[in-house]
Amino acid sequence: MARLAGQVDIASLALLRSVAELGSLGKAAAAHGISQPSASARLRALERGLGLTLLARRTSGSTLTAAGELVVGWASAVLVAAEEFSRNVEVLAQRRSAEFTVAASLSVAEYLLPGWLMELHAAHPDIAVHLRVANSTDVISQVLSGAVPVGFVEGPSVPRPLARAVVGTDRLVVVVGAHHPWAHRRTPLTPADLRATPLLLREPGSGTRQVLERAVGGAGTLAPPALQLSTTTSIRTAAAGSEAPAVLSELTVRADLAAGRLIEVPVDGLDLRRRLHAVWLPSARLDDAAAALVRLARRSSRVTSPGGTAETAHLR
């Protein structure tokens, strides 16, 4: 049984069944979308594999031998099982393509992705998305390793191996509590002021911290942090109630600024703008569900990335 299983081609069995049903090798070949010589070659290979003569070949045409009739009868259950197997695999593939995991940096995950996912669900209720939240460095690592098909990051740069698409823009702002001396400052801060002041900072690897460090001249130029925290919410709370300033995404502090819990301090001489990216491996072309989320994020943010054609070339 094991020896024969390795020699019997399911497609050839299906072709033999079609000869029996249609009464002609030529009609069977046409039904399978192949030439008659190709069909004949396949059936000869099947005969060699089984060690049986399945077709009586005459100038008037080919008909099944008695052995061929028996093989077709025995093959029926095999072919039904093979067709069911193919259908089930197709259903499973469709289900998997409609269910995927996405990784996102904290600011994107908290303030942008919920809206994107609600829009995605409204347009495609069959798509289920599982979310992993990490800093930008960890998100990129997960995409590079193939652990997730797509990630959203807020860092200043994306490694060259990754494909990317701009899905939003943001800027960092310096904020303090209402009782901090900078809350009433009349002149903008300088880069030197920021470098010399212990700040409330996210952990190394966070996109927010990477943008700040690049803007001021590198990680080594900043004073030791007043406090290092791993969530934006904890930094917002600490900034509102302490004597230390924080540098945070404008997305994350809009409500605090509007309510007066935090005060934005102007800064001169620093470019704290940043782009938010969707990233994925070009070699692992995005499936329909993941690509739909990236397209929706780009459309919702109303941004056009430079060289957009190149950046979205792997979306389908």
Protein backbone atom coordinates (compact mmCIF):
# COMPACT_ATOMS: atom_id res chain seq x y z
CA MET A 1 0.00 0.00 0.00
CA ALA A 2 2.76 2.45 0.95
CA ARG A 3 4.65 1.64 -2.26
CA LEU A 4 1.60 2.27 -4.46
CA ALA A 5 0.60 5.45 -2.62
CA GLY A 6 3.87 7.01 -3.66
CA GLN A 7 3.30 6.06 -7.33
CA VAL A 8 -0.36 6.93 -7.86
CA ASP A 9 -1.07 10.46 -9.04
CA ILE A 10 -4.50 11.73 -7.97
CA ALA A 11 -4.80 13.93 -11.06
CA SER A 12 -4.16 10.92 -13.31
CA LEU A 13 -6.86 8.93 -11.50
CA ALA A 14 -9.27 11.83 -12.06
CA LEU A 15 -8.30 11.85 -15.74
CA LEU A 16 -8.98 8.12 -16.01
CA ARG A 17 -12.39 8.63 -14.41
CA SER A 18 -13.15 11.33 -16.98
CA VAL A 19 -12.31 8.91 -19.81
CA ALA A 20 -14.85 6.49 -18.33
CA GLU A 21 -17.49 9.20 -17.90
CA LEU A 22 -16.98 10.99 -21.25
CA GLY A 23 -16.17 7.91 -23.33
CA SER A 24 -13.15 9.43 -25.02
CA LEU A 25 -9.55 10.26 -24.18
CA GLY A 26 -9.77 13.44 -26.28
CA LYS A 27 -12.88 14.67 -24.45
CA ALA A 28 -11.30 13.83 -21.10
CA ALA A 29 -8.13 15.76 -22.04
CA ALA A 30 -10.20 18.79 -23.05
CA ALA A 31 -12.18 18.65 -19.80
CA HIS A 32 -8.90 18.77 -17.84
CA GLY A 33 -7.45 21.56 -19.97
CA ILE A 34 -4.55 19.54 -21.39
CA SER A 35 -3.64 18.19 -24.82
CA GLN A 36 -4.51 14.66 -25.82
CA PRO A 37 -0.81 13.62 -26.04
CA SER A 38 -0.28 14.93 -22.50
CA ALA A 39 -3.32 13.03 -21.27
CA SER A 40 -2.09 9.85 -22.95
CA ALA A 41 1.37 10.27 -21.37
CA ARG A 42 -0.15 10.74 -17.91
CA LEU A 43 -2.22 7.58 -18.22
CA ARG A 44 0.76 5.57 -19.46
CA ALA A 45 2.66 6.72 -16.36
CA LEU A 46 -0.30 5.65 -14.22
CA GLU A 47 -0.29 2.22 -15.89
CA ARG A 48 3.42 1.80 -15.22
CA GLY A 49 2.96 2.82 -11.60
CA LEU A 50 0.14 0.32 -11.07
CA GLY A 51 1.56 -2.40 -13.28
CA LEU A 52 -1.77 -2.66 -15.13
CA THR A 53 -3.12 -1.96 -18.61
CA LEU A 54 -5.96 0.51 -18.10
CA LEU A 55 -6.73 1.59 -21.68
CA ALA A 56 -7.26 -0.40 -24.86
CA ARG A 57 -5.73 1.89 -27.49
CA ARG A 58 -7.11 1.54 -31.02
CA THR A 59 -7.07 3.73 -34.10
CA SER A 60 -10.76 4.39 -33.52
CA GLY A 61 -10.08 5.61 -29.98
CA SER A 62 -9.21 4.46 -26.50
CA THR A 63 -11.53 2.60 -24.16
CA LEU A 64 -11.08 1.29 -20.63
CA THR A 65 -10.00 -2.29 -20.15
CA ALA A 66 -11.67 -4.48 -17.54
CA ALA A 67 -8.82 -3.60 -15.20
CA GLY A 68 -9.35 0.06 -16.02
CA GLU A 69 -13.05 -0.21 -15.11
CA LEU A 70 -12.15 -1.79 -11.78
CA VAL A 71 -9.53 0.87 -11.01
CA VAL A 72 -12.03 3.64 -11.76
CA GLY A 73 -14.51 2.04 -9.37
CA TRP A 74 -11.91 1.68 -6.63
CA ALA A 75 -10.64 5.23 -7.27
CA SER A 76 -14.05 6.84 -6.68
CA ALA A 77 -13.69 6.94 -2.90
CA VAL A 78 -10.11 8.20 -3.21
CA LEU A 79 -11.12 11.01 -5.57
CA VAL A 80 -14.07 12.06 -3.38
CA ALA A 81 -11.74 12.17 -0.36
CA ALA A 82 -9.14 14.16 -2.34
CA GLU A 83 -11.75 16.69 -3.46
CA GLU A 84 -13.01 17.06 0.10
CA PHE A 85 -9.42 17.50 1.29
CA SER A 86 -8.83 20.26 -1.28
CA ARG A 87 -12.05 22.05 -0.29
CA ASN A 88 -11.19 21.89 3.41
CA VAL A 89 -7.66 23.19 2.81
CA GLU A 90 -9.08 26.07 0.75
CA VAL A 91 -11.55 26.96 3.52
CA LEU A 92 -8.75 26.83 6.09
CA ALA A 93 -6.54 29.07 3.95
CA GLN A 94 -9.37 31.59 3.53
CA ARG A 95 -10.01 31.54 7.28
CA ARG A 96 -6.34 32.13 8.07
CA SER A 97 -6.13 34.98 5.54
CA ALA A 98 -9.06 36.64 7.34
CA GLU A 99 -7.45 36.25 10.77
CA PHE A 100 -4.04 37.69 11.52
CA THR A 101 -1.92 39.30 14.23
CA VAL A 102 -0.57 42.83 14.00
CA ALA A 103 2.10 44.42 16.21
CA ALA A 104 2.01 48.15 16.96
CA SER A 105 4.00 50.64 18.97
CA LEU A 106 2.29 52.10 22.00
CA SER A 107 1.14 55.46 20.61
CA VAL A 108 -0.24 53.91 17.43
CA ALA A 109 -1.88 51.06 19.35
CA GLU A 110 -3.59 53.37 21.85
CA TYR A 111 -4.60 56.33 19.73
CA LEU A 112 -4.88 55.26 16.08
CA LEU A 113 -5.36 51.51 15.70
CA PRO A 114 -8.69 51.32 17.56
CA GLY A 115 -10.26 53.63 14.98
CA TRP A 116 -8.65 51.79 12.08
CA LEU A 117 -9.82 48.43 13.41
CA MET A 118 -13.38 49.69 13.85
CA GLU A 119 -13.40 50.90 10.24
CA LEU A 120 -11.90 47.60 9.08
CA HIS A 121 -14.56 45.62 10.94
CA ALA A 122 -17.33 47.76 9.46
CA ALA A 123 -16.03 47.18 5.93
CA HIS A 124 -14.90 43.55 6.42
CA PRO A 125 -16.75 41.97 9.38
CA ASP A 126 -15.19 38.58 8.57
CA ILE A 127 -11.64 39.80 9.30
CA ALA A 128 -10.39 39.21 12.86
CA VAL A 129 -7.26 41.04 14.04
CA HIS A 130 -5.19 40.18 17.12
CA LEU A 131 -3.02 43.00 18.49
CA ARG A 132 0.41 42.87 20.11
CA VAL A 133 1.64 46.10 21.72
CA ALA A 134 5.39 46.74 21.99
CA ASN A 135 7.89 49.53 21.45
CA SER A 136 8.99 50.28 17.89
CA THR A 137 12.22 48.28 18.12
CA ASP A 138 10.36 45.17 19.29
CA VAL A 139 7.67 45.60 16.61
CA ILE A 140 10.33 45.69 13.92
CA SER A 141 11.97 42.58 15.40
CA GLN A 142 8.65 40.72 15.29
CA VAL A 143 8.11 41.65 11.64
CA LEU A 144 11.68 40.72 10.66
CA SER A 145 11.34 37.33 12.36
CA GLY A 146 8.04 36.61 10.60
CA ALA A 147 6.15 36.45 13.94
CA VAL A 148 3.62 38.98 12.58
CA PRO A 149 2.85 39.87 8.95
CA VAL A 150 2.64 43.63 9.52
CA GLY A 151 3.63 46.14 12.20
CA PHE A 152 3.05 49.82 12.89
CA VAL A 153 5.96 51.88 14.22
CA GLU A 154 6.70 55.48 15.15
CA GLY A 155 10.50 55.50 15.16
CA PRO A 156 12.61 57.82 13.00
CA SER A 157 13.86 55.10 10.66
CA VAL A 158 12.85 51.72 9.26
CA PRO A 159 15.49 49.02 8.50
CA ARG A 160 16.21 48.62 4.80
CA PRO A 161 15.01 44.98 4.52
CA LEU A 162 11.45 46.06 5.33
CA ALA A 163 8.82 47.43 2.97
CA ARG A 164 6.99 50.39 4.40
CA ALA A 165 4.05 52.74 3.88
CA VAL A 166 3.43 56.04 5.66
CA VAL A 167 0.17 55.82 7.62
CA GLY A 168 0.29 59.09 9.53
CA THR A 169 2.32 62.02 10.79
CA ASP A 170 2.92 63.22 14.31
CA ARG A 171 5.19 65.50 16.30
CA LEU A 172 6.67 65.36 19.75
CA VAL A 173 5.91 68.11 22.24
CA VAL A 174 7.55 69.13 25.50
CA VAL A 175 4.94 69.18 28.28
CA VAL A 176 4.98 70.07 31.96
CA GLY A 177 2.50 70.21 34.80
CA ALA A 178 0.69 73.48 35.52
CA HIS A 179 2.99 74.23 38.48
CA HIS A 180 6.29 73.63 36.71
CA PRO A 181 8.45 76.76 36.16
CA TRP A 182 8.43 76.13 32.41
CA ALA A 183 4.62 76.39 32.35
CA HIS A 184 4.97 80.18 32.51
CA ARG A 185 8.10 80.44 30.38
CA ARG A 186 8.01 83.32 27.90
CA THR A 187 10.86 82.24 25.63
CA PRO A 188 11.08 78.94 23.73
CA LEU A 189 13.36 76.18 24.98
CA THR A 190 16.61 75.57 23.13
CA PRO A 191 18.16 72.19 22.30
CA ALA A 192 20.73 72.92 25.03
CA ASP A 193 17.91 73.34 27.57
CA LEU A 194 16.53 69.91 26.71
CA ARG A 195 19.92 68.23 26.73
CA ALA A 196 20.74 69.62 30.18
CA THR A 197 17.39 68.85 31.85
CA PRO A 198 16.52 65.44 33.37
CA LEU A 199 13.34 64.41 31.54
CA LEU A 200 10.59 61.87 31.99
CA LEU A 201 11.38 59.41 29.20
CA ARG A 202 10.16 56.18 27.65
CA GLU A 203 12.47 53.17 27.67
CA PRO A 204 15.27 52.76 25.09
CA GLY A 205 13.81 51.31 21.90
CA SER A 206 10.65 53.40 22.06
CA GLY A 207 9.98 55.37 18.87
CA THR A 208 9.29 58.53 20.85
CA ARG A 209 12.66 58.34 22.58
CA GLN A 210 14.47 57.54 19.33
CA VAL A 211 13.04 60.64 17.64
CA LEU A 212 14.04 62.86 20.58
CA GLU A 213 17.55 61.42 20.79
CA ARG A 214 18.12 61.90 17.08
CA ALA A 215 16.80 65.49 17.24
CA VAL A 216 19.13 66.55 20.07
CA GLY A 217 22.23 64.87 18.63
CA GLY A 218 22.22 61.34 20.00
CA ALA A 219 21.38 59.33 23.10
CA GLY A 220 24.62 60.27 24.85
CA THR A 221 23.84 63.99 24.73
CA LEU A 222 20.78 63.81 27.00
CA ALA A 223 21.02 64.22 30.76
CA PRO A 224 20.20 61.08 32.77
CA PRO A 225 16.39 60.80 32.87
CA ALA A 226 14.47 62.01 35.90
CA LEU A 227 12.42 58.83 35.50
CA GLN A 228 12.18 56.14 32.83
CA LEU A 229 8.74 54.59 32.32
CA SER A 230 7.43 52.07 29.82
CA THR A 231 3.98 53.51 29.08
CA THR A 232 2.78 56.84 27.78
CA THR A 233 -0.01 56.98 30.36
CA SER A 234 2.43 56.69 33.27
CA ILE A 235 4.61 59.48 31.84
CA ARG A 236 1.59 61.76 31.32
CA THR A 237 0.51 61.17 34.93
CA ALA A 238 4.03 61.74 36.24
CA ALA A 239 4.47 64.94 34.22
CA ALA A 240 1.19 66.40 35.50
CA GLY A 241 2.15 65.83 39.13
CA SER A 242 5.92 66.30 39.23
CA GLU A 243 8.63 68.87 38.68
CA ALA A 244 10.07 67.04 35.64
CA PRO A 245 9.15 67.78 32.02
CA ALA A 246 8.26 65.08 29.50
CA VAL A 247 8.55 64.75 25.74
CA LEU A 248 5.54 62.91 24.31
CA SER A 249 3.60 62.43 21.11
CA GLU A 250 1.09 65.20 20.44
CA LEU A 251 -1.45 62.45 19.72
CA THR A 252 -1.20 61.22 23.30
CA VAL A 253 -1.53 64.53 25.15
CA ARG A 254 -4.25 66.39 23.25
CA ALA A 255 -6.88 65.75 25.92
CA ASP A 256 -4.45 66.74 28.71
CA LEU A 257 -3.54 69.97 26.93
CA ALA A 258 -7.19 70.84 26.30
CA ALA A 259 -8.05 70.20 29.97
CA GLY A 260 -5.05 72.15 31.27
CA ARG A 261 -3.53 69.13 33.03
CA LEU A 262 -0.42 69.60 30.94
CA ILE A 263 1.11 72.69 29.36
CA GLU A 264 3.04 72.61 26.08
CA VAL A 265 6.37 74.42 26.17
CA PRO A 266 7.54 75.82 22.80
CA VAL A 267 10.93 74.68 21.49
CA ASP A 268 13.16 76.38 18.92
CA GLY A 269 15.85 74.73 16.84
CA LEU A 270 14.57 71.13 16.93
CA ASP A 271 12.60 69.16 14.36
CA LEU A 272 10.41 66.86 16.42
CA ARG A 273 8.12 65.78 13.60
CA ARG A 274 7.88 62.13 12.68
CA ARG A 275 6.14 59.77 10.30
CA LEU A 276 4.24 56.69 11.37
CA HIS A 277 4.84 53.62 9.21
CA ALA A 278 3.30 50.27 8.45
CA VAL A 279 6.13 47.77 7.88
CA TRP A 280 6.28 44.26 6.46
CA LEU A 281 8.69 41.85 4.79
CA PRO A 282 8.70 42.27 0.99
CA SER A 283 9.37 38.54 0.64
CA ALA A 284 6.19 37.76 2.61
CA ARG A 285 3.68 39.61 0.46
CA LEU A 286 0.76 40.85 2.55
CA ASP A 287 -2.39 38.76 2.29
CA ASP A 288 -5.75 40.38 1.60
CA ALA A 289 -6.67 41.00 5.26
CA ALA A 290 -3.37 42.62 6.30
CA ALA A 291 -3.21 44.64 3.08
CA ALA A 292 -6.76 45.89 3.72
CA LEU A 293 -5.72 47.21 7.14
CA VAL A 294 -2.69 49.05 5.71
CA ARG A 295 -4.75 50.62 2.93
CA LEU A 296 -7.40 51.70 5.41
CA ALA A 297 -4.77 53.23 7.74
CA ARG A 298 -3.27 55.22 4.86
CA ARG A 299 -6.69 56.40 3.70
CA SER A 300 -7.89 57.30 7.20
CA SER A 301 -4.76 59.35 7.86
CA ARG A 302 -5.06 61.10 4.48
CA VAL A 303 -1.32 60.91 3.85
CA THR A 304 0.67 60.30 0.73
CA SER A 305 4.13 58.88 1.25
CA PRO A 306 7.05 60.08 -0.85
CA GLY A 307 7.59 57.57 -3.64
CA GLY A 308 4.27 55.99 -2.72
CA THR A 309 4.38 53.57 -5.62
CA ALA A 310 7.61 52.01 -4.42
CA GLU A 311 6.53 51.89 -0.80
CA THR A 312 3.26 50.13 -1.57
CA ALA A 313 4.49 47.93 -4.38
CA HIS A 314 4.03 44.77 -2.32
CA LEU A 315 0.46 45.55 -1.27
CA ARG A 316 -2.15 43.69 -3.23
